[in-house]
PDB file of all heavy atoms in Angstrom:
ATOM      1  N   SER A   1     -14.830  12.333  24.954  1.00  0.00           N
ATOM      2  CA  SER A   1     -15.312  13.713  24.999  1.00  0.00           C
ATOM      3  C   SER A   1     -14.321  14.611  25.734  1.00  0.00           C
ATOM      4  O   SER A   1     -14.038  15.736  25.297  1.00  0.00           O
ATOM      5  CB  SER A   1     -16.679  13.761  25.680  1.00  0.00           C
ATOM      6  OG  SER A   1     -17.129  15.089  25.812  1.00  0.00           O
ATOM      7  N   ASN A   2     -13.769  14.116  26.839  1.00  0.00           N
ATOM      8  CA  ASN A   2     -12.799  14.911  27.612  1.00  0.00           C
ATOM      9  C   ASN A   2     -11.560  15.249  26.783  1.00  0.00           C
ATOM     10  O   ASN A   2     -10.982  16.336  26.922  1.00  0.00           O
ATOM     11  CB  ASN A   2     -12.375  14.152  28.871  1.00  0.00           C
ATOM     12  CG  ASN A   2     -13.489  14.032  29.888  1.00  0.00           C
ATOM     13  OD1 ASN A   2     -14.468  14.790  29.842  1.00  0.00           O
ATOM     14  ND2 ASN A   2     -13.374  13.075  30.802  1.00  0.00           N
ATOM     15  N   LEU A   3     -11.158  14.318  25.929  1.00  0.00           N
ATOM     16  CA  LEU A   3      -9.959  14.518  25.121  1.00  0.00           C
ATOM     17  C   LEU A   3     -10.269  15.163  23.773  1.00  0.00           C
ATOM     18  O   LEU A   3      -9.379  15.336  22.942  1.00  0.00           O
ATOM     19  CB  LEU A   3      -9.269  13.172  24.883  1.00  0.00           C
ATOM     20  CG  LEU A   3      -8.718  12.483  26.138  1.00  0.00           C
ATOM     21  CD1 LEU A   3      -8.210  11.080  25.800  1.00  0.00           C
ATOM     22  CD2 LEU A   3      -7.590  13.315  26.757  1.00  0.00           C
ATOM     23  N   GLU A   4     -11.546  15.506  23.548  1.00  0.00           N
ATOM     24  CA  GLU A   4     -12.003  16.151  22.320  1.00  0.00           C
ATOM     25  C   GLU A   4     -11.744  15.269  21.096  1.00  0.00           C
ATOM     26  O   GLU A   4     -11.352  15.740  20.027  1.00  0.00           O
ATOM     27  CB  GLU A   4     -11.369  17.532  22.143  1.00  0.00           C
ATOM     28  CG  GLU A   4     -11.734  18.498  23.269  1.00  0.00           C
ATOM     29  CD  GLU A   4     -11.160  19.879  23.070  1.00  0.00           C
ATOM     30  OE1 GLU A   4     -10.285  20.047  22.181  1.00  0.00           O
ATOM     31  OE2 GLU A   4     -11.577  20.808  23.770  1.00  0.00           O
ATOM     32  N   TYR A   5     -11.970  13.962  21.274  1.00  0.00           N
ATOM     33  CA  TYR A   5     -11.902  13.025  20.162  1.00  0.00           C
ATOM     34  C   TYR A   5     -13.249  13.017  19.442  1.00  0.00           C
ATOM     35  O   TYR A   5     -14.191  13.717  19.819  1.00  0.00           O
ATOM     36  CB  TYR A   5     -11.584  11.608  20.665  1.00  0.00           C
ATOM     37  CG  TYR A   5     -10.180  11.399  21.182  1.00  0.00           C
ATOM     38  CD1 TYR A   5      -9.863  10.267  21.924  1.00  0.00           C
ATOM     39  CD2 TYR A   5      -9.159  12.320  20.919  1.00  0.00           C
ATOM     40  CE1 TYR A   5      -8.571  10.043  22.401  1.00  0.00           C
ATOM     41  CE2 TYR A   5      -7.867  12.115  21.393  1.00  0.00           C
ATOM     42  CZ  TYR A   5      -7.580  10.982  22.138  1.00  0.00           C
ATOM     43  OH  TYR A   5      -6.307  10.770  22.602  1.00  0.00           O
ATOM     44  N   SER A   6     -13.348  12.169  18.420  1.00  0.00           N
ATOM     45  CA  SER A   6     -14.622  11.995  17.722  1.00  0.00           C
ATOM     46  C   SER A   6     -15.646  11.340  18.642  1.00  0.00           C
ATOM     47  O   SER A   6     -15.307  10.806  19.706  1.00  0.00           O
ATOM     48  CB  SER A   6     -14.431  11.125  16.482  1.00  0.00           C
ATOM     49  OG  SER A   6     -13.540  11.723  15.583  1.00  0.00           O
ATOM     50  N   THR A   7     -16.893  11.345  18.192  1.00  0.00           N
ATOM     51  CA  THR A   7     -17.966  10.715  18.944  1.00  0.00           C
ATOM     52  C   THR A   7     -18.043   9.228  18.605  1.00  0.00           C
ATOM     53  O   THR A   7     -17.935   8.844  17.441  1.00  0.00           O
ATOM     54  CB  THR A   7     -19.314  11.379  18.611  1.00  0.00           C
ATOM     55  OG1 THR A   7     -19.223  12.771  18.911  1.00  0.00           O
ATOM     56  CG2 THR A   7     -20.445  10.755  19.417  1.00  0.00           C
ATOM     57  N   PHE A   8     -18.208   8.397  19.626  1.00  0.00           N
ATOM     58  CA  PHE A   8     -18.389   6.965  19.395  1.00  0.00           C
ATOM     59  C   PHE A   8     -19.735   6.713  18.729  1.00  0.00           C
ATOM     60  O   PHE A   8     -20.738   7.365  19.042  1.00  0.00           O
ATOM     61  CB  PHE A   8     -18.343   6.199  20.722  1.00  0.00           C
ATOM     62  CG  PHE A   8     -16.962   5.777  21.136  1.00  0.00           C
ATOM     63  CD1 PHE A   8     -16.271   6.470  22.117  1.00  0.00           C
ATOM     64  CD2 PHE A   8     -16.354   4.682  20.547  1.00  0.00           C
ATOM     65  CE1 PHE A   8     -15.005   6.082  22.510  1.00  0.00           C
ATOM     66  CE2 PHE A   8     -15.091   4.272  20.935  1.00  0.00           C
ATOM     67  CZ  PHE A   8     -14.405   4.975  21.911  1.00  0.00           C
ATOM     68  N   LYS A   9     -19.744   5.754  17.809  1.00  0.00           N
ATOM     69  CA  LYS A   9     -20.980   5.321  17.176  1.00  0.00           C
ATOM     70  C   LYS A   9     -21.153   3.827  17.410  1.00  0.00           C
ATOM     71  O   LYS A   9     -20.184   3.079  17.491  1.00  0.00           O
ATOM     72  CB  LYS A   9     -20.943   5.607  15.669  1.00  0.00           C
ATOM     73  CG  LYS A   9     -20.873   7.091  15.334  1.00  0.00           C
ATOM     74  CD  LYS A   9     -20.875   7.302  13.823  1.00  0.00           C
ATOM     75  CE  LYS A   9     -20.829   8.794  13.498  1.00  0.00           C
ATOM     76  NZ  LYS A   9     -20.830   9.033  12.025  1.00  0.00           N
ATOM     77  N   THR A  10     -22.408   3.405  17.508  1.00  0.00           N
ATOM     78  CA  THR A  10     -22.707   1.992  17.713  1.00  0.00           C
ATOM     79  C   THR A  10     -22.752   1.273  16.377  1.00  0.00           C
ATOM     80  O   THR A  10     -23.361   1.759  15.424  1.00  0.00           O
ATOM     81  CB  THR A  10     -24.058   1.824  18.444  1.00  0.00           C
ATOM     82  OG1 THR A  10     -23.971   2.428  19.732  1.00  0.00           O
ATOM     83  CG2 THR A  10     -24.412   0.354  18.595  1.00  0.00           C
ATOM     84  N   VAL A  11     -22.087   0.134  16.303  1.00  0.00           N
ATOM     85  CA  VAL A  11     -22.190  -0.719  15.118  1.00  0.00           C
ATOM     86  C   VAL A  11     -23.486  -1.514  15.279  1.00  0.00           C
ATOM     87  O   VAL A  11     -23.608  -2.316  16.209  1.00  0.00           O
ATOM     88  CB  VAL A  11     -20.978  -1.662  15.005  1.00  0.00           C
ATOM     89  CG1 VAL A  11     -21.117  -2.561  13.778  1.00  0.00           C
ATOM     90  CG2 VAL A  11     -19.678  -0.867  14.941  1.00  0.00           C
ATOM     91  N   PRO A  12     -24.473  -1.306  14.413  1.00  0.00           N
ATOM     92  CA  PRO A  12     -25.820  -1.840  14.670  1.00  0.00           C
ATOM     93  C   PRO A  12     -25.952  -3.354  14.623  1.00  0.00           C
ATOM     94  O   PRO A  12     -26.782  -3.922  15.318  1.00  0.00           O
ATOM     95  CB  PRO A  12     -26.670  -1.181  13.576  1.00  0.00           C
ATOM     96  CG  PRO A  12     -25.692  -0.841  12.490  1.00  0.00           C
ATOM     97  CD  PRO A  12     -24.417  -0.503  13.182  1.00  0.00           C
ATOM     98  N   ASN A  13     -25.135  -4.033  13.812  1.00  0.00           N
ATOM     99  CA  ASN A  13     -25.250  -5.483  13.699  1.00  0.00           C
ATOM    100  C   ASN A  13     -23.953  -6.033  13.125  1.00  0.00           C
ATOM    101  O   ASN A  13     -23.136  -5.288  12.583  1.00  0.00           O
ATOM    102  CB  ASN A  13     -26.451  -5.874  12.824  1.00  0.00           C
ATOM    103  CG  ASN A  13     -26.393  -5.197  11.464  1.00  0.00           C
ATOM    104  OD1 ASN A  13     -25.483  -5.445  10.680  1.00  0.00           O
ATOM    105  ND2 ASN A  13     -27.366  -4.329  11.187  1.00  0.00           N
ATOM    106  N   PRO A  14     -23.735  -7.328  13.230  1.00  0.00           N
ATOM    107  CA  PRO A  14     -22.472  -7.913  12.755  1.00  0.00           C
ATOM    108  C   PRO A  14     -22.195  -7.663  11.275  1.00  0.00           C
ATOM    109  O   PRO A  14     -21.047  -7.568  10.870  1.00  0.00           O
ATOM    110  CB  PRO A  14     -22.646  -9.417  13.040  1.00  0.00           C
ATOM    111  CG  PRO A  14     -23.661  -9.484  14.132  1.00  0.00           C
ATOM    112  CD  PRO A  14     -24.594  -8.342  13.891  1.00  0.00           C
ATOM    113  N   GLU A  15     -23.265  -7.566  10.466  1.00  0.00           N
ATOM    114  CA  GLU A  15     -23.072  -7.366   9.036  1.00  0.00           C
ATOM    115  C   GLU A  15     -22.434  -6.012   8.730  1.00  0.00           C
ATOM    116  O   GLU A  15     -21.844  -5.815   7.666  1.00  0.00           O
ATOM    117  CB  GLU A  15     -24.413  -7.467   8.295  1.00  0.00           C
ATOM    118  CG  GLU A  15     -24.968  -8.886   8.194  1.00  0.00           C
ATOM    119  CD  GLU A  15     -25.447  -9.429   9.531  1.00  0.00           C
ATOM    120  OE1 GLU A  15     -25.882  -8.620  10.371  1.00  0.00           O
ATOM    121  OE2 GLU A  15     -25.382 -10.656   9.733  1.00  0.00           O
ATOM    122  N   GLU A  16     -22.560  -5.066   9.662  1.00  0.00           N
ATOM    123  CA  GLU A  16     -22.002  -3.732   9.454  1.00  0.00           C
ATOM    124  C   GLU A  16     -20.592  -3.589  10.025  1.00  0.00           C
ATOM    125  O   GLU A  16     -20.045  -2.495  10.052  1.00  0.00           O
ATOM    126  CB  GLU A  16     -22.916  -2.674  10.116  1.00  0.00           C
ATOM    127  CG  GLU A  16     -24.301  -2.582   9.506  1.00  0.00           C
ATOM    128  CD  GLU A  16     -24.251  -2.137   8.061  1.00  0.00           C
ATOM    129  OE1 GLU A  16     -23.473  -1.214   7.749  1.00  0.00           O
ATOM    130  OE2 GLU A  16     -24.975  -2.720   7.228  1.00  0.00           O
ATOM    131  N   MET A  17     -20.011  -4.709  10.475  1.00  0.00           N
ATOM    132  CA  MET A  17     -18.710  -4.651  11.126  1.00  0.00           C
ATOM    133  C   MET A  17     -17.644  -4.029  10.230  1.00  0.00           C
ATOM    134  O   MET A  17     -16.760  -3.317  10.678  1.00  0.00           O
ATOM    135  CB  MET A  17     -18.268  -6.062  11.543  1.00  0.00           C
ATOM    136  CG  MET A  17     -17.021  -6.081  12.413  1.00  0.00           C
ATOM    137  SD  MET A  17     -17.315  -5.435  14.055  1.00  0.00           S
ATOM    138  CE  MET A  17     -18.216  -6.810  14.763  1.00  0.00           C
ATOM    139  N   HIS A  18     -17.707  -4.288   8.914  1.00  0.00           N
ATOM    140  CA  HIS A  18     -16.685  -3.797   7.998  1.00  0.00           C
ATOM    141  C   HIS A  18     -17.190  -2.656   7.116  1.00  0.00           C
ATOM    142  O   HIS A  18     -16.512  -2.261   6.179  1.00  0.00           O
ATOM    143  CB  HIS A  18     -16.190  -4.943   7.116  1.00  0.00           C
ATOM    144  CG  HIS A  18     -15.644  -6.103   7.898  1.00  0.00           C
ATOM    145  ND1 HIS A  18     -14.463  -6.029   8.592  1.00  0.00           N
ATOM    146  CD2 HIS A  18     -16.125  -7.348   8.112  1.00  0.00           C
ATOM    147  CE1 HIS A  18     -14.233  -7.191   9.181  1.00  0.00           C
ATOM    148  NE2 HIS A  18     -15.226  -8.003   8.909  1.00  0.00           N
ATOM    149  N   ASN A  19     -18.356  -2.124   7.420  1.00  0.00           N
ATOM    150  CA  ASN A  19     -18.929  -1.065   6.585  1.00  0.00           C
ATOM    151  C   ASN A  19     -18.893   0.291   7.266  1.00  0.00           C
ATOM    152  O   ASN A  19     -19.764   1.120   7.064  1.00  0.00           O
ATOM    153  CB  ASN A  19     -20.386  -1.419   6.218  1.00  0.00           C
ATOM    154  CG  ASN A  19     -20.472  -2.657   5.363  1.00  0.00           C
ATOM    155  OD1 ASN A  19     -19.557  -2.957   4.624  1.00  0.00           O
ATOM    156  ND2 ASN A  19     -21.581  -3.370   5.467  1.00  0.00           N
ATOM    157  N   HIS A  20     -17.858   0.497   8.083  1.00  0.00           N
ATOM    158  CA  HIS A  20     -17.788   1.746   8.828  1.00  0.00           C
ATOM    159  C   HIS A  20     -17.087   2.853   8.046  1.00  0.00           C
ATOM    160  O   HIS A  20     -17.038   3.995   8.481  1.00  0.00           O
ATOM    161  CB  HIS A  20     -17.079   1.535  10.166  1.00  0.00           C
ATOM    162  CG  HIS A  20     -15.835   0.701  10.071  1.00  0.00           C
ATOM    163  ND1 HIS A  20     -14.694   1.170   9.477  1.00  0.00           N
ATOM    164  CD2 HIS A  20     -15.576  -0.561  10.472  1.00  0.00           C
ATOM    165  CE1 HIS A  20     -13.752   0.237   9.526  1.00  0.00           C
ATOM    166  NE2 HIS A  20     -14.267  -0.833  10.108  1.00  0.00           N
ATOM    167  N   HIS A  21     -16.509   2.529   6.878  1.00  0.00           N
ATOM    168  CA  HIS A  21     -15.864   3.516   6.003  1.00  0.00           C
ATOM    169  C   HIS A  21     -14.794   4.321   6.733  1.00  0.00           C
ATOM    170  O   HIS A  21     -14.702   5.529   6.588  1.00  0.00           O
ATOM    171  CB  HIS A  21     -16.914   4.462   5.402  1.00  0.00           C
ATOM    172  CG  HIS A  21     -17.978   3.754   4.633  1.00  0.00           C
ATOM    173  ND1 HIS A  21     -17.699   2.979   3.516  1.00  0.00           N
ATOM    174  CD2 HIS A  21     -19.317   3.662   4.826  1.00  0.00           C
ATOM    175  CE1 HIS A  21     -18.823   2.466   3.051  1.00  0.00           C
ATOM    176  NE2 HIS A  21     -19.805   2.848   3.826  1.00  0.00           N
ATOM    177  N   MET A  22     -14.014   3.653   7.530  1.00  0.00           N
ATOM    178  CA  MET A  22     -12.908   4.298   8.228  1.00  0.00           C
ATOM    179  C   MET A  22     -11.656   3.449   8.050  1.00  0.00           C
ATOM    180  O   MET A  22     -11.724   2.229   7.973  1.00  0.00           O
ATOM    181  CB  MET A  22     -13.189   4.433   9.732  1.00  0.00           C
ATOM    182  CG  MET A  22     -14.425   5.208  10.106  1.00  0.00           C
ATOM    183  SD  MET A  22     -14.617   5.258  11.918  1.00  0.00           S
ATOM    184  CE  MET A  22     -16.335   5.737  12.057  1.00  0.00           C
ATOM    185  N   ILE A  23     -10.510   4.094   8.014  1.00  0.00           N
ATOM    186  CA  ILE A  23      -9.235   3.396   8.045  1.00  0.00           C
ATOM    187  C   ILE A  23      -8.622   3.544   9.429  1.00  0.00           C
ATOM    188  O   ILE A  23      -8.153   2.596  10.036  1.00  0.00           O
ATOM    189  CB  ILE A  23      -8.278   3.942   6.968  1.00  0.00           C
ATOM    190  CG1 ILE A  23      -8.806   3.619   5.569  1.00  0.00           C
ATOM    191  CG2 ILE A  23      -6.883   3.343   7.148  1.00  0.00           C
ATOM    192  CD1 ILE A  23      -8.819   2.141   5.242  1.00  0.00           C
ATOM    193  N   ASP A  24      -8.637   4.771   9.941  1.00  0.00           N
ATOM    194  CA  ASP A  24      -8.093   5.049  11.273  1.00  0.00           C
ATOM    195  C   ASP A  24      -9.254   5.137  12.269  1.00  0.00           C
ATOM    196  O   ASP A  24     -10.103   6.035  12.170  1.00  0.00           O
ATOM    197  CB  ASP A  24      -7.319   6.370  11.272  1.00  0.00           C
ATOM    198  CG  ASP A  24      -6.046   6.296  10.434  1.00  0.00           C
ATOM    199  OD1 ASP A  24      -5.773   5.211   9.902  1.00  0.00           O
ATOM    200  OD2 ASP A  24      -5.347   7.304  10.322  1.00  0.00           O
ATOM    201  N   TYR A  25      -9.288   4.190  13.207  1.00  0.00           N
ATOM    202  CA  TYR A  25     -10.395   4.178  14.157  1.00  0.00           C
ATOM    203  C   TYR A  25      -9.992   3.447  15.434  1.00  0.00           C
ATOM    204  O   TYR A  25      -8.983   2.730  15.484  1.00  0.00           O
ATOM    205  CB  TYR A  25     -11.636   3.511  13.546  1.00  0.00           C
ATOM    206  CG  TYR A  25     -11.428   2.086  13.078  1.00  0.00           C
ATOM    207  CD1 TYR A  25     -11.530   1.002  13.965  1.00  0.00           C
ATOM    208  CD2 TYR A  25     -11.128   1.807  11.745  1.00  0.00           C
ATOM    209  CE1 TYR A  25     -11.341  -0.299  13.538  1.00  0.00           C
ATOM    210  CE2 TYR A  25     -10.928   0.497  11.309  1.00  0.00           C
ATOM    211  CZ  TYR A  25     -11.040  -0.549  12.212  1.00  0.00           C
ATOM    212  OH  TYR A  25     -10.838  -1.837  11.795  1.00  0.00           O
ATOM    213  N   PHE A  26     -10.812   3.647  16.472  1.00  0.00           N
ATOM    214  CA  PHE A  26     -10.686   2.919  17.737  1.00  0.00           C
ATOM    215  C   PHE A  26     -11.992   2.160  17.930  1.00  0.00           C
ATOM    216  O   PHE A  26     -13.071   2.751  17.913  1.00  0.00           O
ATOM    217  CB  PHE A  26     -10.452   3.890  18.897  1.00  0.00           C
ATOM    218  CG  PHE A  26     -10.269   3.212  20.227  1.00  0.00           C
ATOM    219  CD1 PHE A  26      -9.019   2.761  20.630  1.00  0.00           C
ATOM    220  CD2 PHE A  26     -11.346   3.024  21.082  1.00  0.00           C
ATOM    221  CE1 PHE A  26      -8.841   2.139  21.859  1.00  0.00           C
ATOM    222  CE2 PHE A  26     -11.182   2.398  22.304  1.00  0.00           C
ATOM    223  CZ  PHE A  26      -9.930   1.944  22.695  1.00  0.00           C
ATOM    224  N   ARG A  27     -11.894   0.839  18.090  1.00  0.00           N
ATOM    225  CA  ARG A  27     -13.093   0.003  18.170  1.00  0.00           C
ATOM    226  C   ARG A  27     -13.097  -0.761  19.493  1.00  0.00           C
ATOM    227  O   ARG A  27     -12.063  -1.246  19.950  1.00  0.00           O
ATOM    228  CB  ARG A  27     -13.141  -0.967  16.994  1.00  0.00           C
ATOM    229  CG  ARG A  27     -14.351  -1.894  16.991  1.00  0.00           C
ATOM    230  CD  ARG A  27     -14.587  -2.516  15.623  1.00  0.00           C
ATOM    231  NE  ARG A  27     -13.445  -3.230  15.083  1.00  0.00           N
ATOM    232  CZ  ARG A  27     -13.409  -3.764  13.853  1.00  0.00           C
ATOM    233  NH1 ARG A  27     -14.455  -3.628  13.039  1.00  0.00           N
ATOM    234  NH2 ARG A  27     -12.336  -4.405  13.427  1.00  0.00           N
ATOM    235  N   VAL A  28     -14.292  -0.892  20.078  1.00  0.00           N
ATOM    236  CA  VAL A  28     -14.458  -1.582  21.356  1.00  0.00           C
ATOM    237  C   VAL A  28     -15.552  -2.636  21.215  1.00  0.00           C
ATOM    238  O   VAL A  28     -16.659  -2.346  20.748  1.00  0.00           O
ATOM    239  CB  VAL A  28     -14.845  -0.608  22.488  1.00  0.00           C
ATOM    240  CG1 VAL A  28     -14.848  -1.338  23.832  1.00  0.00           C
ATOM    241  CG2 VAL A  28     -13.908   0.588  22.534  1.00  0.00           C
ATOM    242  N   PHE A  29     -15.228  -3.880  21.607  1.00  0.00           N
ATOM    243  CA  PHE A  29     -16.201  -4.960  21.685  1.00  0.00           C
ATOM    244  C   PHE A  29     -16.529  -5.173  23.167  1.00  0.00           C
ATOM    245  O   PHE A  29     -15.627  -5.447  23.966  1.00  0.00           O
ATOM    246  CB  PHE A  29     -15.619  -6.267  21.128  1.00  0.00           C
ATOM    247  CG  PHE A  29     -15.124  -6.195  19.708  1.00  0.00           C
ATOM    248  CD1 PHE A  29     -13.867  -5.682  19.416  1.00  0.00           C
ATOM    249  CD2 PHE A  29     -15.903  -6.667  18.656  1.00  0.00           C
ATOM    250  CE1 PHE A  29     -13.388  -5.646  18.125  1.00  0.00           C
ATOM    251  CE2 PHE A  29     -15.435  -6.632  17.354  1.00  0.00           C
ATOM    252  CZ  PHE A  29     -14.169  -6.111  17.080  1.00  0.00           C
TER     253      PHE A  29
END
């Protein structure tokens, strides 16, 4: 938010790990 990036979204379950419809992203486990 401080850097005015996009908003983080929660990946709801493991099955949705590859269904985020993004190519450029930052992901945190």
